Amino acid sequence: MKRLGVFIGGNGSNLEAILEAIQRQELPMVCVGVISHNDHVQGIQRAKRFGVPVKVVPHASFSTRESFEAELLKETRALKPDVIALAGFMRLLSARFIEQVNVPILNIHPSLLPKYPGLHPHQQALDNHDAFTGATVHLVNEKMDDGHILAQAQVPVLAEDTKESLSQRVLRVEHKLYVEVLKWIAADRV
């Protein structure tokens, strides 16, 4: 069974969807630990409710990206993951870190990449009067939301949508899509 590590930095709803799928035995992985780059986020509490060990490596307490990544690498290696899923982890990882970890690192992004990388994709979709948006699961490289795309799912943009309503509908799709791609990883289909 593959060992999954999850990096978080926020609410943790994608983390919870993954942990629920593992608990229901729909996702044949074991979550060996969660690492957060923020020390006061709801995702930490979600992980603890599932009995998953949590380490906090607060990026703000490090003077350089290199020192932050050195500590992150140490904690990651201690987990011995076969795969890492980023779920609200809002830090770019260097090529050096990715190479040293030497396992696939996945991320989920709330747009149909390459459209709207980075922050505020829902507002951008609304501002540009897009007919649809969606979610993308991709492999992580050192660039923002740039790695090889593994899967995407579309979500229609409704005339009455606000940033919040669109965000909630995309988030529900994210939860399903991320678990599905992790199932592929567990079955060695990626």
Protein backbone atom coordinates (compact mmCIF):
# COMPACT_ATOMS: atom_id res chain seq x y z
CA MET A 1 0.00 0.00 0.00
CA LYS A 2 1.40 3.38 -1.01
CA ARG A 3 2.41 5.85 1.69
CA LEU A 4 0.87 9.30 1.21
CA GLY A 5 2.19 12.52 2.71
CA VAL A 6 0.05 15.66 2.51
CA PHE A 7 1.33 19.23 2.67
CA ILE A 8 -1.27 21.77 3.78
CA GLY A 9 -1.50 25.45 4.55
CA GLY A 10 -5.16 26.26 5.04
CA ASN A 11 -8.67 24.98 5.56
CA GLY A 12 -7.90 21.35 4.73
CA SER A 13 -11.11 20.38 2.93
CA ASN A 14 -9.19 18.49 0.21
CA LEU A 15 -7.19 16.79 2.97
CA GLU A 16 -10.43 15.75 4.66
CA ALA A 17 -11.84 14.38 1.38
CA ILE A 18 -8.67 12.30 0.93
CA LEU A 19 -8.70 11.03 4.52
CA GLU A 20 -12.40 10.15 4.29
CA ALA A 21 -11.74 8.16 1.09
CA ILE A 22 -8.91 6.29 2.85
CA GLN A 23 -11.14 5.64 5.88
CA ARG A 24 -13.94 4.29 3.64
CA GLN A 25 -11.31 2.10 1.95
CA GLU A 26 -12.07 3.71 -1.41
CA LEU A 27 -8.49 4.97 -1.66
CA PRO A 28 -5.97 2.19 -1.00
CA MET A 29 -3.28 4.34 0.59
CA VAL A 30 -2.14 5.11 4.09
CA CYS A 31 -1.64 8.74 5.07
CA VAL A 32 1.65 8.70 6.95
CA GLY A 33 1.57 12.35 7.93
CA VAL A 34 0.58 15.92 7.26
CA ILE A 35 2.99 18.84 7.14
CA SER A 36 1.65 22.38 7.39
CA HIS A 37 3.51 25.58 6.54
CA ASN A 38 1.10 27.53 8.79
CA ASP A 39 0.67 26.75 12.47
CA HIS A 40 -2.92 27.96 13.01
CA VAL A 41 -5.00 26.45 10.21
CA GLN A 42 -8.12 24.32 10.28
CA GLY A 43 -6.40 21.59 8.25
CA ILE A 44 -4.29 20.66 11.28
CA GLN A 45 -7.44 19.95 13.32
CA ARG A 46 -8.93 17.93 10.46
CA ALA A 47 -5.81 15.74 10.29
CA LYS A 48 -5.81 15.22 14.06
CA ARG A 49 -9.48 14.13 13.98
CA PHE A 50 -8.40 11.29 11.68
CA GLY A 51 -5.46 10.41 13.91
CA VAL A 52 -2.90 11.48 11.31
CA PRO A 53 0.39 12.82 12.70
CA VAL A 54 0.99 16.50 11.97
CA LYS A 55 4.23 18.46 11.79
CA VAL A 56 4.29 22.22 11.43
CA VAL A 57 7.13 23.86 9.55
CA PRO A 58 6.07 27.52 9.68
CA HIS A 59 7.64 29.19 6.66
CA ALA A 60 7.48 32.62 8.31
CA SER A 61 9.93 31.57 11.00
CA PHE A 62 12.72 30.88 8.49
CA SER A 63 14.91 33.65 7.12
CA THR A 64 15.45 32.01 3.74
CA ARG A 65 13.62 29.69 1.40
CA GLU A 66 16.61 27.33 1.58
CA SER A 67 16.41 27.01 5.37
CA PHE A 68 12.65 26.46 5.20
CA GLU A 69 13.05 23.78 2.54
CA ALA A 70 15.88 22.09 4.48
CA GLU A 71 13.56 21.63 7.47
CA LEU A 72 10.67 20.62 5.19
CA LEU A 73 12.91 18.03 3.53
CA LYS A 74 13.95 16.62 6.92
CA GLU A 75 10.31 16.23 8.01
CA THR A 76 9.32 14.80 4.62
CA ARG A 77 12.06 12.20 4.67
CA ALA A 78 10.97 11.15 8.16
CA LEU A 79 7.55 10.27 6.71
CA LYS A 80 9.05 8.10 3.94
CA PRO A 81 6.19 8.88 1.53
CA ASP A 82 5.73 7.22 -1.86
CA VAL A 83 3.75 10.24 -3.06
CA ILE A 84 2.99 13.73 -1.76
CA ALA A 85 -0.26 15.62 -2.28
CA LEU A 86 -0.31 19.39 -1.87
CA ALA A 87 -3.64 20.57 -0.47
CA GLY A 88 -3.67 24.30 0.13
CA PHE A 89 0.11 24.38 0.48
CA MET A 90 0.83 27.90 -0.74
CA ARG A 91 4.60 27.76 -1.15
CA LEU A 92 6.52 27.23 -4.36
CA LEU A 93 8.94 24.32 -4.07
CA SER A 94 12.38 24.62 -5.62
CA ALA A 95 13.69 22.24 -8.27
CA ARG A 96 16.32 21.17 -5.74
CA PHE A 97 13.69 20.25 -3.13
CA ILE A 98 11.62 18.32 -5.69
CA GLU A 99 14.70 16.43 -6.87
CA GLN A 100 15.80 15.60 -3.31
CA VAL A 101 12.35 14.35 -2.27
CA ASN A 102 12.40 12.08 -5.33
CA VAL A 103 8.74 11.02 -5.19
CA PRO A 104 5.82 12.33 -7.24
CA ILE A 105 4.37 15.55 -5.84
CA LEU A 106 0.81 16.38 -6.92
CA ASN A 107 -1.15 19.59 -6.59
CA ILE A 108 -4.74 20.56 -7.20
CA HIS A 109 -5.60 23.98 -8.58
CA PRO A 110 -9.08 25.56 -8.92
CA SER A 111 -8.95 26.39 -12.62
CA LEU A 112 -8.47 24.63 -15.92
CA LEU A 113 -4.74 25.12 -16.22
CA PRO A 114 -2.92 26.62 -17.99
CA LYS A 115 -5.68 29.21 -17.58
CA TYR A 116 -5.51 31.28 -14.37
CA PRO A 117 -2.51 29.93 -12.47
CA GLY A 118 -1.84 31.43 -9.06
CA LEU A 119 -4.27 33.37 -6.94
CA HIS A 120 -7.89 34.43 -7.56
CA PRO A 121 -8.84 32.06 -10.41
CA HIS A 122 -12.58 32.21 -9.59
CA GLN A 123 -12.65 35.99 -9.80
CA GLN A 124 -10.71 35.86 -13.05
CA ALA A 125 -13.21 33.39 -14.53
CA LEU A 126 -16.08 35.70 -13.50
CA ASP A 127 -14.34 38.86 -14.74
CA ASN A 128 -13.68 37.25 -18.12
CA HIS A 129 -17.28 35.94 -18.41
CA ASP A 130 -16.07 32.37 -18.88
CA ALA A 131 -18.75 29.79 -19.62
CA PHE A 132 -16.93 27.23 -17.49
CA THR A 133 -14.00 26.80 -15.16
CA GLY A 134 -12.91 23.77 -13.18
CA ALA A 135 -10.11 22.03 -11.36
CA THR A 136 -6.76 20.57 -12.39
CA VAL A 137 -4.54 17.96 -10.76
CA HIS A 138 -0.97 18.27 -11.94
CA LEU A 139 2.53 17.17 -11.08
CA VAL A 140 4.52 19.82 -9.27
CA ASN A 141 7.60 21.45 -10.70
CA GLU A 142 9.42 24.59 -9.56
CA LYS A 143 7.05 26.91 -11.45
CA MET A 144 3.64 28.01 -10.24
CA ASP A 145 0.85 25.68 -11.40
CA ASP A 146 2.94 24.57 -14.37
CA GLY A 147 3.61 20.84 -14.07
CA HIS A 148 2.30 18.03 -16.25
CA ILE A 149 -1.51 17.86 -16.10
CA LEU A 150 -2.90 14.52 -14.90
CA ALA A 151 -6.64 15.29 -14.88
CA GLN A 152 -9.16 18.10 -15.18
CA ALA A 153 -12.85 18.50 -14.46
CA GLN A 154 -15.11 21.27 -15.74
CA VAL A 155 -17.61 23.32 -13.74
CA PRO A 156 -20.09 25.66 -15.44
CA VAL A 157 -20.00 29.33 -14.50
CA LEU A 158 -23.59 30.39 -13.80
CA ALA A 159 -24.98 33.88 -14.48
CA GLU A 160 -25.79 34.34 -10.78
CA ASP A 161 -22.40 33.10 -9.55
CA THR A 162 -20.34 35.05 -7.08
CA LYS A 163 -16.72 34.29 -6.32
CA GLU A 164 -17.90 32.40 -3.22
CA SER A 165 -20.61 30.31 -4.91
CA LEU A 166 -18.31 29.38 -7.79
CA SER A 167 -15.52 28.54 -5.36
CA GLN A 168 -17.80 26.18 -3.41
CA ARG A 169 -18.95 24.35 -6.54
CA VAL A 170 -15.38 23.98 -7.81
CA LEU A 171 -14.25 22.75 -4.38
CA ARG A 172 -16.80 19.91 -4.44
CA VAL A 173 -15.38 18.84 -7.81
CA GLU A 174 -11.81 19.15 -6.48
CA HIS A 175 -12.56 16.69 -3.68
CA LYS A 176 -13.69 14.00 -6.12
CA LEU A 177 -11.02 14.68 -8.74
CA TYR A 178 -8.10 14.59 -6.30
CA VAL A 179 -9.23 11.28 -4.79
CA GLU A 180 -9.70 9.81 -8.28
CA VAL A 181 -6.17 10.75 -9.37
CA LEU A 182 -4.74 9.37 -6.13
CA LYS A 183 -6.56 6.09 -6.86
CA TRP A 184 -4.73 6.00 -10.21
CA ILE A 185 -1.43 6.56 -8.38
CA ALA A 186 -2.27 3.78 -5.89
CA ALA A 187 -2.95 1.42 -8.80
CA ASP A 188 0.28 2.45 -10.61
CA ARG A 189 -1.75 3.83 -13.52
CA VAL A 190 0.13 7.13 -13.63
